[in-house]
Structure formats: structure tokens, C-alpha cells
Amino acid sequence: MRKTLGSYLKQVRKDKNLTLRAVEEKTEVSNAYLSQLETGKINNPSPVVLHKLADCYKIPYERLMELAGYPVPETATMEKEKLQSPAFRSSSGFDDLTKEEKERVMEFIQFLRSRRLKK
């Protein structure tokens, strides 16, 4: 079964042990709206809302855009596949990083990609 935007957002929020109210505080998106996203009552939120959630959850913005039905540049998809390939992982030296360090590295990579895509 294909993962929906709502189920993905709910899973990520729960994995990070966040309540809807905590996400509301961090993103300034109302918890009622967040609840409607998670239950599938809203399927196509604005890119601005998706960006806030990606920042809050430390997840790829492109993934949320894709799940919401927005077109995602092919280069973003190709770059994501490169990062997930075994060759990248085995030669990257990520094995000795803490979870927090890995998250920061991924944030930096996302930042670099966003700068490249704006050019």
C-alpha cells in the first residue's frame, strides 16, 4: 500500500515523540490543521506548510512535496537515491557518527541542495 502524506506525517511525529501542540508551537501551524493533515481530510497543503513541517521534523522537504502531489525535480529524486545507495553509505564514514551528528549532516546536505536548485 502506498504511504499517504497524512500517515507519513503522523508516523514521523510519533517517532519524534512530539504532540500536535508541540508541533504547533514549533511551526505556527494550528494543531487542528495538523490533525486534518494526519487524518487525510487535507491532502494538498501549501508548500510553505510542508517546508515548516520538514524543518520541524528534520525530514526531506522533497519527500513531503512528493507525497502531497507536487512535482519534484528529477535531480532531487536522483540525489536522494545517491545518498541512499550502499556505495555512499559504505564509503562515507557515517558509521561512527551519533544520531544527532547524522541528522546535522543530512540537514547540511539538504541546505546545499536547496542552494543548487535555486540557481
PDB file of N, CA and C in Angstrom:
ATOM      1  N   MET A   1       0.836  -1.186   0.000  1.00  0.00           N
ATOM      2  CA  MET A   1       0.000   0.000   0.000  1.00  0.00           C
ATOM      3  C   MET A   1       0.882   1.251   0.000  1.00  0.00           C
ATOM      4  N   ARG A   2       0.512   2.224  -0.791  1.00  0.00           N
ATOM      5  CA  ARG A   2       1.280   3.463  -0.896  1.00  0.00           C
ATOM      6  C   ARG A   2       1.047   4.323   0.344  1.00  0.00           C
ATOM      7  N   LYS A   3       2.128   4.864   0.865  1.00  0.00           N
ATOM      8  CA  LYS A   3       2.051   5.714   2.049  1.00  0.00           C
ATOM      9  C   LYS A   3       1.431   7.058   1.676  1.00  0.00           C
ATOM     10  N   THR A   4       0.506   7.521   2.511  1.00  0.00           N
ATOM     11  CA  THR A   4      -0.119   8.819   2.287  1.00  0.00           C
ATOM     12  C   THR A   4       0.643   9.892   3.053  1.00  0.00           C
ATOM     13  N   LEU A   5       0.427  11.130   2.654  1.00  0.00           N
ATOM     14  CA  LEU A   5       1.064  12.247   3.348  1.00  0.00           C
ATOM     15  C   LEU A   5       0.680  12.231   4.829  1.00  0.00           C
ATOM     16  N   GLY A   6      -0.612  12.057   5.103  1.00  0.00           N
ATOM     17  CA  GLY A   6      -1.084  12.086   6.484  1.00  0.00           C
ATOM     18  C   GLY A   6      -0.480  10.999   7.351  1.00  0.00           C
ATOM     19  N   SER A   7      -0.459   9.774   6.836  1.00  0.00           N
ATOM     20  CA  SER A   7       0.097   8.679   7.640  1.00  0.00           C
ATOM     21  C   SER A   7       1.596   8.858   7.843  1.00  0.00           C
ATOM     22  N   TYR A   8       2.280   9.389   6.831  1.00  0.00           N
ATOM     23  CA  TYR A   8       3.717   9.641   6.953  1.00  0.00           C
ATOM     24  C   TYR A   8       3.982  10.707   8.019  1.00  0.00           C
ATOM     25  N   LEU A   9       3.236  11.811   7.965  1.00  0.00           N
ATOM     26  CA  LEU A   9       3.430  12.888   8.944  1.00  0.00           C
ATOM     27  C   LEU A   9       3.149  12.395  10.361  1.00  0.00           C
ATOM     28  N   LYS A  10       2.096  11.616  10.507  1.00  0.00           N
ATOM     29  CA  LYS A  10       1.758  11.098  11.835  1.00  0.00           C
ATOM     30  C   LYS A  10       2.853  10.168  12.354  1.00  0.00           C
ATOM     31  N   GLN A  11       3.354   9.305  11.484  1.00  0.00           N
ATOM     32  CA  GLN A  11       4.413   8.375  11.879  1.00  0.00           C
ATOM     33  C   GLN A  11       5.670   9.128  12.310  1.00  0.00           C
ATOM     34  N   VAL A  12       6.069  10.120  11.526  1.00  0.00           N
ATOM     35  CA  VAL A  12       7.277  10.888  11.850  1.00  0.00           C
ATOM     36  C   VAL A  12       7.093  11.634  13.167  1.00  0.00           C
ATOM     37  N   ARG A  13       5.932  12.247  13.349  1.00  0.00           N
ATOM     38  CA  ARG A  13       5.667  12.989  14.589  1.00  0.00           C
ATOM     39  C   ARG A  13       5.751  12.063  15.798  1.00  0.00           C
ATOM     40  N   LYS A  14       5.136  10.905  15.692  1.00  0.00           N
ATOM     41  CA  LYS A  14       5.159   9.947  16.807  1.00  0.00           C
ATOM     42  C   LYS A  14       6.568   9.404  17.038  1.00  0.00           C
ATOM     43  N   ASP A  15       7.317   9.150  15.956  1.00  0.00           N
ATOM     44  CA  ASP A  15       8.702   8.676  16.093  1.00  0.00           C
ATOM     45  C   ASP A  15       9.567   9.688  16.835  1.00  0.00           C
ATOM     46  N   LYS A  16       9.232  10.966  16.699  1.00  0.00           N
ATOM     47  CA  LYS A  16       9.999  12.021  17.361  1.00  0.00           C
ATOM     48  C   LYS A  16       9.398  12.389  18.715  1.00  0.00           C
ATOM     49  N   ASN A  17       8.388  11.632  19.134  1.00  0.00           N
ATOM     50  CA  ASN A  17       7.721  11.853  20.428  1.00  0.00           C
ATOM     51  C   ASN A  17       7.211  13.276  20.589  1.00  0.00           C
ATOM     52  N   LEU A  18       6.563  13.782  19.554  1.00  0.00           N
ATOM     53  CA  LEU A  18       6.010  15.129  19.589  1.00  0.00           C
ATOM     54  C   LEU A  18       4.484  15.065  19.603  1.00  0.00           C
ATOM     55  N   THR A  19       3.876  15.980  20.325  1.00  0.00           N
ATOM     56  CA  THR A  19       2.424  16.114  20.293  1.00  0.00           C
ATOM     57  C   THR A  19       2.060  17.112  19.203  1.00  0.00           C
ATOM     58  N   LEU A  20       0.778  17.121  18.829  1.00  0.00           N
ATOM     59  CA  LEU A  20       0.316  18.106  17.847  1.00  0.00           C
ATOM     60  C   LEU A  20       0.534  19.530  18.369  1.00  0.00           C
ATOM     61  N   ARG A  21       0.330  19.712  19.657  1.00  0.00           N
ATOM     62  CA  ARG A  21       0.537  21.048  20.244  1.00  0.00           C
ATOM     63  C   ARG A  21       2.007  21.462  20.187  1.00  0.00           C
ATOM     64  N   ALA A  22       2.916  20.526  20.396  1.00  0.00           N
ATOM     65  CA  ALA A  22       4.348  20.847  20.317  1.00  0.00           C
ATOM     66  C   ALA A  22       4.736  21.228  18.893  1.00  0.00           C
ATOM     67  N   VAL A  23       4.183  20.519  17.920  1.00  0.00           N
ATOM     68  CA  VAL A  23       4.465  20.854  16.515  1.00  0.00           C
ATOM     69  C   VAL A  23       3.873  22.219  16.184  1.00  0.00           C
ATOM     70  N   GLU A  24       2.689  22.489  16.712  1.00  0.00           N
ATOM     71  CA  GLU A  24       2.056  23.795  16.506  1.00  0.00           C
ATOM     72  C   GLU A  24       2.973  24.917  17.022  1.00  0.00           C
ATOM     73  N   GLU A  25       3.526  24.729  18.199  1.00  0.00           N
ATOM     74  CA  GLU A  25       4.417  25.743  18.769  1.00  0.00           C
ATOM     75  C   GLU A  25       5.650  25.969  17.917  1.00  0.00           C
ATOM     76  N   LYS A  26       6.202  24.888  17.358  1.00  0.00           N
ATOM     77  CA  LYS A  26       7.428  24.996  16.566  1.00  0.00           C
ATOM     78  C   LYS A  26       7.184  25.541  15.159  1.00  0.00           C
ATOM     79  N   THR A  27       5.996  25.275  14.610  1.00  0.00           N
ATOM     80  CA  THR A  27       5.750  25.621  13.202  1.00  0.00           C
ATOM     81  C   THR A  27       4.770  26.765  13.004  1.00  0.00           C
ATOM     82  N   GLU A  28       3.999  27.081  14.042  1.00  0.00           N
ATOM     83  CA  GLU A  28       2.923  28.067  13.953  1.00  0.00           C
ATOM     84  C   GLU A  28       1.821  27.617  12.996  1.00  0.00           C
ATOM     85  N   VAL A  29       1.683  26.304  12.835  1.00  0.00           N
ATOM     86  CA  VAL A  29       0.583  25.705  12.089  1.00  0.00           C
ATOM     87  C   VAL A  29      -0.356  25.130  13.142  1.00  0.00           C
ATOM     88  N   SER A  30      -1.642  25.485  13.080  1.00  0.00           N
ATOM     89  CA  SER A  30      -2.564  25.074  14.148  1.00  0.00           C
ATOM     90  C   SER A  30      -2.648  23.563  14.283  1.00  0.00           C
ATOM     91  N   ASN A  31      -2.840  23.122  15.526  1.00  0.00           N
ATOM     92  CA  ASN A  31      -2.926  21.686  15.756  1.00  0.00           C
ATOM     93  C   ASN A  31      -4.162  21.093  15.090  1.00  0.00           C
ATOM     94  N   ALA A  32      -5.215  21.873  14.931  1.00  0.00           N
ATOM     95  CA  ALA A  32      -6.413  21.383  14.229  1.00  0.00           C
ATOM     96  C   ALA A  32      -6.080  21.095  12.764  1.00  0.00           C
ATOM     97  N   TYR A  33      -5.329  21.996  12.144  1.00  0.00           N
ATOM     98  CA  TYR A  33      -4.918  21.800  10.750  1.00  0.00           C
ATOM     99  C   TYR A  33      -3.992  20.594  10.642  1.00  0.00           C
ATOM    100  N   LEU A  34      -3.049  20.475  11.571  1.00  0.00           N
ATOM    101  CA  LEU A  34      -2.131  19.336  11.583  1.00  0.00           C
ATOM    102  C   LEU A  34      -2.900  18.023  11.720  1.00  0.00           C
ATOM    103  N   SER A  35      -3.915  18.015  12.572  1.00  0.00           N
ATOM    104  CA  SER A  35      -4.736  16.827  12.759  1.00  0.00           C
ATOM    105  C   SER A  35      -5.453  16.458  11.463  1.00  0.00           C
ATOM    106  N   GLN A  36      -5.979  17.463  10.768  1.00  0.00           N
ATOM    107  CA  GLN A  36      -6.660  17.212   9.497  1.00  0.00           C
ATOM    108  C   GLN A  36      -5.686  16.687   8.444  1.00  0.00           C
ATOM    109  N   LEU A  37      -4.453  17.160   8.485  1.00  0.00           N
ATOM    110  CA  LEU A  37      -3.430  16.623   7.576  1.00  0.00           C
ATOM    111  C   LEU A  37      -3.193  15.143   7.870  1.00  0.00           C
ATOM    112  N   GLU A  38      -3.013  14.829   9.131  1.00  0.00           N
ATOM    113  CA  GLU A  38      -2.693  13.457   9.532  1.00  0.00           C
ATOM    114  C   GLU A  38      -3.838  12.481   9.263  1.00  0.00           C
ATOM    115  N   THR A  39      -5.073  12.955   9.348  1.00  0.00           N
ATOM    116  CA  THR A  39      -6.218  12.066   9.116  1.00  0.00           C
ATOM    117  C   THR A  39      -6.625  12.017   7.651  1.00  0.00           C
ATOM    118  N   GLY A  40      -5.980  12.823   6.812  1.00  0.00           N
ATOM    119  CA  GLY A  40      -6.277  12.792   5.385  1.00  0.00           C
ATOM    120  C   GLY A  40      -7.420  13.687   4.948  1.00  0.00           C
ATOM    121  N   LYS A  41      -7.940  14.494   5.855  1.00  0.00           N
ATOM    122  CA  LYS A  41      -9.003  15.428   5.472  1.00  0.00           C
ATOM    123  C   LYS A  41      -8.450  16.543   4.595  1.00  0.00           C
ATOM    124  N   ILE A  42      -7.165  16.846   4.775  1.00  0.00           N
ATOM    125  CA  ILE A  42      -6.453  17.794   3.915  1.00  0.00           C
ATOM    126  C   ILE A  42      -5.328  17.006   3.265  1.00  0.00           C
ATOM    127  N   ASN A  43      -5.303  16.986   1.941  1.00  0.00           N
ATOM    128  CA  ASN A  43      -4.308  16.199   1.218  1.00  0.00           C
ATOM    129  C   ASN A  43      -3.281  17.037   0.470  1.00  0.00           C
ATOM    130  N   ASN A  44      -3.583  18.304   0.280  1.00  0.00           N
ATOM    131  CA  ASN A  44      -2.712  19.117  -0.556  1.00  0.00           C
ATOM    132  C   ASN A  44      -2.383  20.443   0.131  1.00  0.00           C
ATOM    133  N   PRO A  45      -1.624  20.401   1.239  1.00  0.00           N
ATOM    134  CA  PRO A  45      -1.274  21.640   1.938  1.00  0.00           C
ATOM    135  C   PRO A  45      -0.304  22.474   1.106  1.00  0.00           C
ATOM    136  N   SER A  46      -0.172  23.710   1.475  1.00  0.00           N
ATOM    137  CA  SER A  46       0.725  24.604   0.728  1.00  0.00           C
ATOM    138  C   SER A  46       2.187  24.186   0.925  1.00  0.00           C
ATOM    139  N   PRO A  47       3.024  24.506  -0.047  1.00  0.00           N
ATOM    140  CA  PRO A  47       4.460  24.234   0.108  1.00  0.00           C
ATOM    141  C   PRO A  47       5.052  24.907   1.346  1.00  0.00           C
ATOM    142  N   VAL A  48       4.516  26.045   1.735  1.00  0.00           N
ATOM    143  CA  VAL A  48       5.016  26.748   2.921  1.00  0.00           C
ATOM    144  C   VAL A  48       4.792  25.893   4.169  1.00  0.00           C
ATOM    145  N   VAL A  49       3.609  25.310   4.296  1.00  0.00           N
ATOM    146  CA  VAL A  49       3.310  24.445   5.441  1.00  0.00           C
ATOM    147  C   VAL A  49       4.215  23.222   5.404  1.00  0.00           C
ATOM    148  N   LEU A  50       4.385  22.632   4.228  1.00  0.00           N
ATOM    149  CA  LEU A  50       5.249  21.457   4.102  1.00  0.00           C
ATOM    150  C   LEU A  50       6.689  21.776   4.481  1.00  0.00           C
ATOM    151  N   HIS A  51       7.145  22.960   4.116  1.00  0.00           N
ATOM    152  CA  HIS A  51       8.512  23.363   4.454  1.00  0.00           C
ATOM    153  C   HIS A  51       8.675  23.503   5.964  1.00  0.00           C
ATOM    154  N   LYS A  52       7.687  24.104   6.613  1.00  0.00           N
ATOM    155  CA  LYS A  52       7.733  24.238   8.076  1.00  0.00           C
ATOM    156  C   LYS A  52       7.791  22.866   8.746  1.00  0.00           C
ATOM    157  N   LEU A  53       6.978  21.931   8.250  1.00  0.00           N
ATOM    158  CA  LEU A  53       6.961  20.595   8.833  1.00  0.00           C
ATOM    159  C   LEU A  53       8.265  19.856   8.567  1.00  0.00           C
ATOM    160  N   ALA A  54       8.817  20.007   7.367  1.00  0.00           N
ATOM    161  CA  ALA A  54      10.100  19.361   7.051  1.00  0.00           C
ATOM    162  C   ALA A  54      11.185  19.875   7.988  1.00  0.00           C
ATOM    163  N   ASP A  55      11.195  21.180   8.226  1.00  0.00           N
ATOM    164  CA  ASP A  55      12.179  21.756   9.152  1.00  0.00           C
ATOM    165  C   ASP A  55      11.974  21.236  10.570  1.00  0.00           C
ATOM    166  N   CYS A  56      10.743  21.203  11.007  1.00  0.00           N
ATOM    167  CA  CYS A  56      10.429  20.760  12.365  1.00  0.00           C
ATOM    168  C   CYS A  56      10.817  19.301  12.576  1.00  0.00           C
ATOM    169  N   TYR A  57      10.486  18.456  11.600  1.00  0.00           N
ATOM    170  CA  TYR A  57      10.728  17.020  11.731  1.00  0.00           C
ATOM    171  C   TYR A  57      12.108  16.588  11.244  1.00  0.00           C
ATOM    172  N   LYS A  58      12.841  17.528  10.651  1.00  0.00           N
ATOM    173  CA  LYS A  58      14.176  17.207  10.107  1.00  0.00           C
ATOM    174  C   LYS A  58      14.086  16.076   9.063  1.00  0.00           C
ATOM    175  N   ILE A  59      13.158  16.269   8.131  1.00  0.00           N
ATOM    176  CA  ILE A  59      12.955  15.296   7.057  1.00  0.00           C
ATOM    177  C   ILE A  59      13.046  16.026   5.715  1.00  0.00           C
ATOM    178  N   PRO A  60      13.268  15.300   4.626  1.00  0.00           N
ATOM    179  CA  PRO A  60      13.405  15.956   3.322  1.00  0.00           C
ATOM    180  C   PRO A  60      12.111  16.636   2.870  1.00  0.00           C
ATOM    181  N   TYR A  61      12.227  17.903   2.570  1.00  0.00           N
ATOM    182  CA  TYR A  61      11.117  18.699   2.049  1.00  0.00           C
ATOM    183  C   TYR A  61      10.575  18.073   0.762  1.00  0.00           C
ATOM    184  N   GLU A  62      11.477  17.576  -0.080  1.00  0.00           N
ATOM    185  CA  GLU A  62      11.069  16.991  -1.356  1.00  0.00           C
ATOM    186  C   GLU A  62      10.130  15.812  -1.143  1.00  0.00           C
ATOM    187  N   ARG A  63      10.373  15.030  -0.095  1.00  0.00           N
ATOM    188  CA  ARG A  63       9.518  13.866   0.189  1.00  0.00           C
ATOM    189  C   ARG A  63       8.103  14.314   0.506  1.00  0.00           C
ATOM    190  N   LEU A  64       7.961  15.368   1.299  1.00  0.00           N
ATOM    191  CA  LEU A  64       6.628  15.876   1.627  1.00  0.00           C
ATOM    192  C   LEU A  64       5.944  16.443   0.390  1.00  0.00           C
ATOM    193  N   MET A  65       6.698  17.155  -0.419  1.00  0.00           N
ATOM    194  CA  MET A  65       6.134  17.704  -1.662  1.00  0.00           C
ATOM    195  C   MET A  65       5.621  16.569  -2.549  1.00  0.00           C
ATOM    196  N   GLU A  66       6.398  15.522  -2.652  1.00  0.00           N
ATOM    197  CA  GLU A  66       6.021  14.371  -3.478  1.00  0.00           C
ATOM    198  C   GLU A  66       4.744  13.708  -2.950  1.00  0.00           C
ATOM    199  N   LEU A  67       4.685  13.485  -1.642  1.00  0.00           N
ATOM    200  CA  LEU A  67       3.506  12.854  -1.044  1.00  0.00           C
ATOM    201  C   LEU A  67       2.256  13.729  -1.166  1.00  0.00           C
ATOM    202  N   ALA A  68       2.445  15.051  -1.213  1.00  0.00           N
ATOM    203  CA  ALA A  68       1.316  15.978  -1.351  1.00  0.00           C
ATOM    204  C   ALA A  68       0.877  16.118  -2.804  1.00  0.00           C
ATOM    205  N   GLY A  69       1.616  15.494  -3.717  1.00  0.00           N
ATOM    206  CA  GLY A  69       1.215  15.532  -5.121  1.00  0.00           C
ATOM    207  C   GLY A  69       1.845  16.637  -5.934  1.00  0.00           C
ATOM    208  N   TYR A  70       2.813  17.337  -5.359  1.00  0.00           N
ATOM    209  CA  TYR A  70       3.504  18.382  -6.101  1.00  0.00           C
ATOM    210  C   TYR A  70       4.616  17.777  -6.947  1.00  0.00           C
ATOM    211  N   PRO A  71       4.893  18.366  -8.100  1.00  0.00           N
ATOM    212  CA  PRO A  71       6.011  17.851  -8.900  1.00  0.00           C
ATOM    213  C   PRO A  71       7.334  18.112  -8.191  1.00  0.00           C
ATOM    214  N   VAL A  72       8.191  17.119  -8.220  1.00  0.00           N
ATOM    215  CA  VAL A  72       9.511  17.226  -7.598  1.00  0.00           C
ATOM    216  C   VAL A  72      10.534  17.117  -8.713  1.00  0.00           C
ATOM    217  N   PRO A  73      11.500  18.051  -8.775  1.00  0.00           N
ATOM    218  CA  PRO A  73      12.512  17.982  -9.831  1.00  0.00           C
ATOM    219  C   PRO A  73      13.218  16.631  -9.829  1.00  0.00           C
ATOM    220  N   GLU A  74      13.474  16.108 -11.012  1.00  0.00           N
ATOM    221  CA  GLU A  74      14.120  14.808 -11.133  1.00  0.00           C
ATOM    222  C   GLU A  74      15.484  14.799 -10.461  1.00  0.00           C
ATOM    223  N   THR A  75      16.192  15.917 -10.484  1.00  0.00           N
ATOM    224  CA  THR A  75      17.516  15.959  -9.863  1.00  0.00           C
ATOM    225  C   THR A  75      17.424  15.708  -8.366  1.00  0.00           C
ATOM    226  N   ALA A  76      16.379  16.192  -7.717  1.00  0.00           N
ATOM    227  CA  ALA A  76      16.216  15.960  -6.281  1.00  0.00           C
ATOM    228  C   ALA A  76      16.004  14.480  -6.009  1.00  0.00           C
ATOM    229  N   THR A  77      15.220  13.818  -6.845  1.00  0.00           N
ATOM    230  CA  THR A  77      14.987  12.390  -6.681  1.00  0.00           C
ATOM    231  C   THR A  77      16.265  11.608  -6.913  1.00  0.00           C
ATOM    232  N   MET A  78      17.027  11.980  -7.935  1.00  0.00           N
ATOM    233  CA  MET A  78      18.275  11.287  -8.233  1.00  0.00           C
ATOM    234  C   MET A  78      19.282  11.471  -7.105  1.00  0.00           C
ATOM    235  N   GLU A  79      19.386  12.666  -6.553  1.00  0.00           N
ATOM    236  CA  GLU A  79      20.313  12.925  -5.456  1.00  0.00           C
ATOM    237  C   GLU A  79      19.929  12.111  -4.229  1.00  0.00           C
ATOM    238  N   LYS A  80      18.631  12.006  -3.955  1.00  0.00           N
ATOM    239  CA  LYS A  80      18.168  11.229  -2.811  1.00  0.00           C
ATOM    240  C   LYS A  80      18.564   9.763  -2.982  1.00  0.00           C
ATOM    241  N   GLU A  81      18.415   9.233  -4.190  1.00  0.00           N
ATOM    242  CA  GLU A  81      18.785   7.843  -4.452  1.00  0.00           C
ATOM    243  C   GLU A  81      20.286   7.641  -4.272  1.00  0.00           C
ATOM    244  N   LYS A  82      21.093   8.610  -4.672  1.00  0.00           N
ATOM    245  CA  LYS A  82      22.540   8.508  -4.486  1.00  0.00           C
ATOM    246  C   LYS A  82      22.890   8.405  -3.010  1.00  0.00           C
ATOM    247  N   LEU A  83      22.228   9.230  -2.185  1.00  0.00           N
ATOM    248  CA  LEU A  83      22.507   9.223  -0.750  1.00  0.00           C
ATOM    249  C   LEU A  83      22.103   7.909  -0.101  1.00  0.00           C
ATOM    250  N   GLN A  84      21.105   7.258  -0.649  1.00  0.00           N
ATOM    251  CA  GLN A  84      20.633   6.029  -0.057  1.00  0.00           C
ATOM    252  C   GLN A  84      21.340   4.793  -0.608  1.00  0.00           C
ATOM    253  N   SER A  85      22.179   4.969  -1.603  1.00  0.00           N
ATOM    254  CA  SER A  85      22.845   3.811  -2.195  1.00  0.00           C
ATOM    255  C   SER A  85      23.885   3.243  -1.231  1.00  0.00           C
ATOM    256  N   PRO A  86      24.080   1.916  -1.248  1.00  0.00           N
ATOM    257  CA  PRO A  86      25.057   1.294  -0.350  1.00  0.00           C
ATOM    258  C   PRO A  86      26.474   1.836  -0.546  1.00  0.00           C
ATOM    259  N   ALA A  87      26.840   2.190  -1.771  1.00  0.00           N
ATOM    260  CA  ALA A  87      28.188   2.705  -2.026  1.00  0.00           C
ATOM    261  C   ALA A  87      28.429   3.999  -1.260  1.00  0.00           C
ATOM    262  N   PHE A  88      27.422   4.860  -1.214  1.00  0.00           N
ATOM    263  CA  PHE A  88      27.575   6.114  -0.486  1.00  0.00           C
ATOM    264  C   PHE A  88      27.726   5.831   1.002  1.00  0.00           C
ATOM    265  N   ARG A  89      26.883   4.977   1.525  1.00  0.00           N
ATOM    266  CA  ARG A  89      26.932   4.687   2.947  1.00  0.00           C
ATOM    267  C   ARG A  89      28.250   4.034   3.362  1.00  0.00           C
ATOM    268  N   SER A  90      28.732   3.089   2.576  1.00  0.00           N
ATOM    269  CA  SER A  90      29.917   2.352   2.996  1.00  0.00           C
ATOM    270  C   SER A  90      31.186   3.199   2.929  1.00  0.00           C
ATOM    271  N   SER A  91      31.226   4.179   2.046  1.00  0.00           N
ATOM    272  CA  SER A  91      32.440   4.972   1.916  1.00  0.00           C
ATOM    273  C   SER A  91      32.332   6.328   2.610  1.00  0.00           C
ATOM    274  N   SER A  92      31.235   6.593   3.265  1.00  0.00           N
ATOM    275  CA  SER A  92      31.007   7.933   3.796  1.00  0.00           C
ATOM    276  C   SER A  92      31.597   8.165   5.181  1.00  0.00           C
ATOM    277  N   GLY A  93      31.848   7.113   5.926  1.00  0.00           N
ATOM    278  CA  GLY A  93      32.329   7.301   7.283  1.00  0.00           C
ATOM    279  C   GLY A  93      31.221   7.679   8.245  1.00  0.00           C
ATOM    280  N   PHE A  94      29.956   7.449   7.876  1.00  0.00           N
ATOM    281  CA  PHE A  94      28.820   7.776   8.729  1.00  0.00           C
ATOM    282  C   PHE A  94      28.677   6.821   9.907  1.00  0.00           C
ATOM    283  N   ASP A  95      29.307   5.676   9.829  1.00  0.00           N
ATOM    284  CA  ASP A  95      29.101   4.643  10.845  1.00  0.00           C
ATOM    285  C   ASP A  95      29.464   5.095  12.253  1.00  0.00           C
ATOM    286  N   ASP A  96      30.454   5.963  12.391  1.00  0.00           N
ATOM    287  CA  ASP A  96      30.895   6.358  13.725  1.00  0.00           C
ATOM    288  C   ASP A  96      30.246   7.658  14.214  1.00  0.00           C
ATOM    289  N   LEU A  97      29.273   8.183  13.470  1.00  0.00           N
ATOM    290  CA  LEU A  97      28.588   9.401  13.888  1.00  0.00           C
ATOM    291  C   LEU A  97      27.416   9.064  14.801  1.00  0.00           C
ATOM    292  N   THR A  98      27.113   9.978  15.702  1.00  0.00           N
ATOM    293  CA  THR A  98      25.924   9.818  16.536  1.00  0.00           C
ATOM    294  C   THR A  98      24.695  10.129  15.695  1.00  0.00           C
ATOM    295  N   LYS A  99      23.524   9.793  16.211  1.00  0.00           N
ATOM    296  CA  LYS A  99      22.273  10.077  15.506  1.00  0.00           C
ATOM    297  C   LYS A  99      22.140  11.583  15.250  1.00  0.00           C
ATOM    298  N   GLU A 100      22.465  12.383  16.251  1.00  0.00           N
ATOM    299  CA  GLU A 100      22.378  13.846  16.108  1.00  0.00           C
ATOM    300  C   GLU A 100      23.343  14.354  15.038  1.00  0.00           C
ATOM    301  N   GLU A 101      24.556  13.826  15.016  1.00  0.00           N
ATOM    302  CA  GLU A 101      25.533  14.234  14.007  1.00  0.00           C
ATOM    303  C   GLU A 101      25.066  13.853  12.609  1.00  0.00           C
ATOM    304  N   LYS A 102      24.492  12.668  12.464  1.00  0.00           N
ATOM    305  CA  LYS A 102      23.960  12.249  11.164  1.00  0.00           C
ATOM    306  C   LYS A 102      22.847  13.183  10.709  1.00  0.00           C
ATOM    307  N   GLU A 103      21.970  13.568  11.639  1.00  0.00           N
ATOM    308  CA  GLU A 103      20.882  14.490  11.306  1.00  0.00           C
ATOM    309  C   GLU A 103      21.425  15.831  10.845  1.00  0.00           C
ATOM    310  N   ARG A 104      22.459  16.311  11.523  1.00  0.00           N
ATOM    311  CA  ARG A 104      23.059  17.593  11.126  1.00  0.00           C
ATOM    312  C   ARG A 104      23.721  17.517   9.762  1.00  0.00           C
ATOM    313  N   VAL A 105      24.385  16.411   9.471  1.00  0.00           N
ATOM    314  CA  VAL A 105      24.993  16.224   8.156  1.00  0.00           C
ATOM    315  C   VAL A 105      23.913  16.237   7.081  1.00  0.00           C
ATOM    316  N   MET A 106      22.805  15.526   7.343  1.00  0.00           N
ATOM    317  CA  MET A 106      21.718  15.486   6.369  1.00  0.00           C
ATOM    318  C   MET A 106      21.083  16.864   6.192  1.00  0.00           C
ATOM    319  N   GLU A 107      20.946  17.627   7.264  1.00  0.00           N
ATOM    320  CA  GLU A 107      20.427  18.991   7.169  1.00  0.00           C
ATOM    321  C   GLU A 107      21.333  19.840   6.283  1.00  0.00           C
ATOM    322  N   PHE A 108      22.632  19.697   6.472  1.00  0.00           N
ATOM    323  CA  PHE A 108      23.577  20.473   5.679  1.00  0.00           C
ATOM    324  C   PHE A 108      23.495  20.078   4.207  1.00  0.00           C
ATOM    325  N   ILE A 109      23.366  18.787   3.947  1.00  0.00           N
ATOM    326  CA  ILE A 109      23.234  18.315   2.565  1.00  0.00           C
ATOM    327  C   ILE A 109      21.964  18.887   1.940  1.00  0.00           C
ATOM    328  N   GLN A 110      20.871  18.897   2.696  1.00  0.00           N
ATOM    329  CA  GLN A 110      19.626  19.474   2.186  1.00  0.00           C
ATOM    330  C   GLN A 110      19.795  20.957   1.904  1.00  0.00           C
ATOM    331  N   PHE A 111      20.495  21.658   2.773  1.00  0.00           N
ATOM    332  CA  PHE A 111      20.763  23.073   2.567  1.00  0.00           C
ATOM    333  C   PHE A 111      21.547  23.287   1.264  1.00  0.00           C
ATOM    334  N   LEU A 112      22.596  22.504   1.064  1.00  0.00           N
ATOM    335  CA  LEU A 112      23.398  22.626  -0.158  1.00  0.00           C
ATOM    336  C   LEU A 112      22.557  22.345  -1.400  1.00  0.00           C
ATOM    337  N   ARG A 113      21.702  21.330  -1.335  1.00  0.00           N
ATOM    338  CA  ARG A 113      20.828  21.029  -2.466  1.00  0.00           C
ATOM    339  C   ARG A 113      19.885  22.175  -2.765  1.00  0.00           C
ATOM    340  N   SER A 114      19.313  22.752  -1.724  1.00  0.00           N
ATOM    341  CA  SER A 114      18.349  23.842  -1.932  1.00  0.00           C
ATOM    342  C   SER A 114      19.026  25.033  -2.588  1.00  0.00           C
ATOM    343  N   ARG A 115      20.278  25.297  -2.242  1.00  0.00           N
ATOM    344  CA  ARG A 115      21.013  26.392  -2.877  1.00  0.00           C
ATOM    345  C   ARG A 115      21.263  26.096  -4.339  1.00  0.00           C
ATOM    346  N   ARG A 116      21.596  24.843  -4.645  1.00  0.00           N
ATOM    347  CA  ARG A 116      21.874  24.459  -6.028  1.00  0.00           C
ATOM    348  C   ARG A 116      20.610  24.520  -6.879  1.00  0.00           C
ATOM    349  N   LEU A 117      19.483  24.097  -6.319  1.00  0.00           N
ATOM    350  CA  LEU A 117      18.234  24.086  -7.067  1.00  0.00           C
ATOM    351  C   LEU A 117      17.714  25.497  -7.333  1.00  0.00           C
ATOM    352  N   LYS A 118      18.097  26.473  -6.502  1.00  0.00           N
ATOM    353  CA  LYS A 118      17.658  27.857  -6.687  1.00  0.00           C
ATOM    354  C   LYS A 118      18.388  28.549  -7.828  1.00  0.00           C
ATOM    355  N   LYS A 119      19.572  28.030  -8.178  1.00  0.00           N
ATOM    356  CA  LYS A 119      20.383  28.674  -9.207  1.00  0.00           C
ATOM    357  C   LYS A 119      19.820  28.518 -10.583  1.00  0.00           C
TER     358      LYS A 119
END
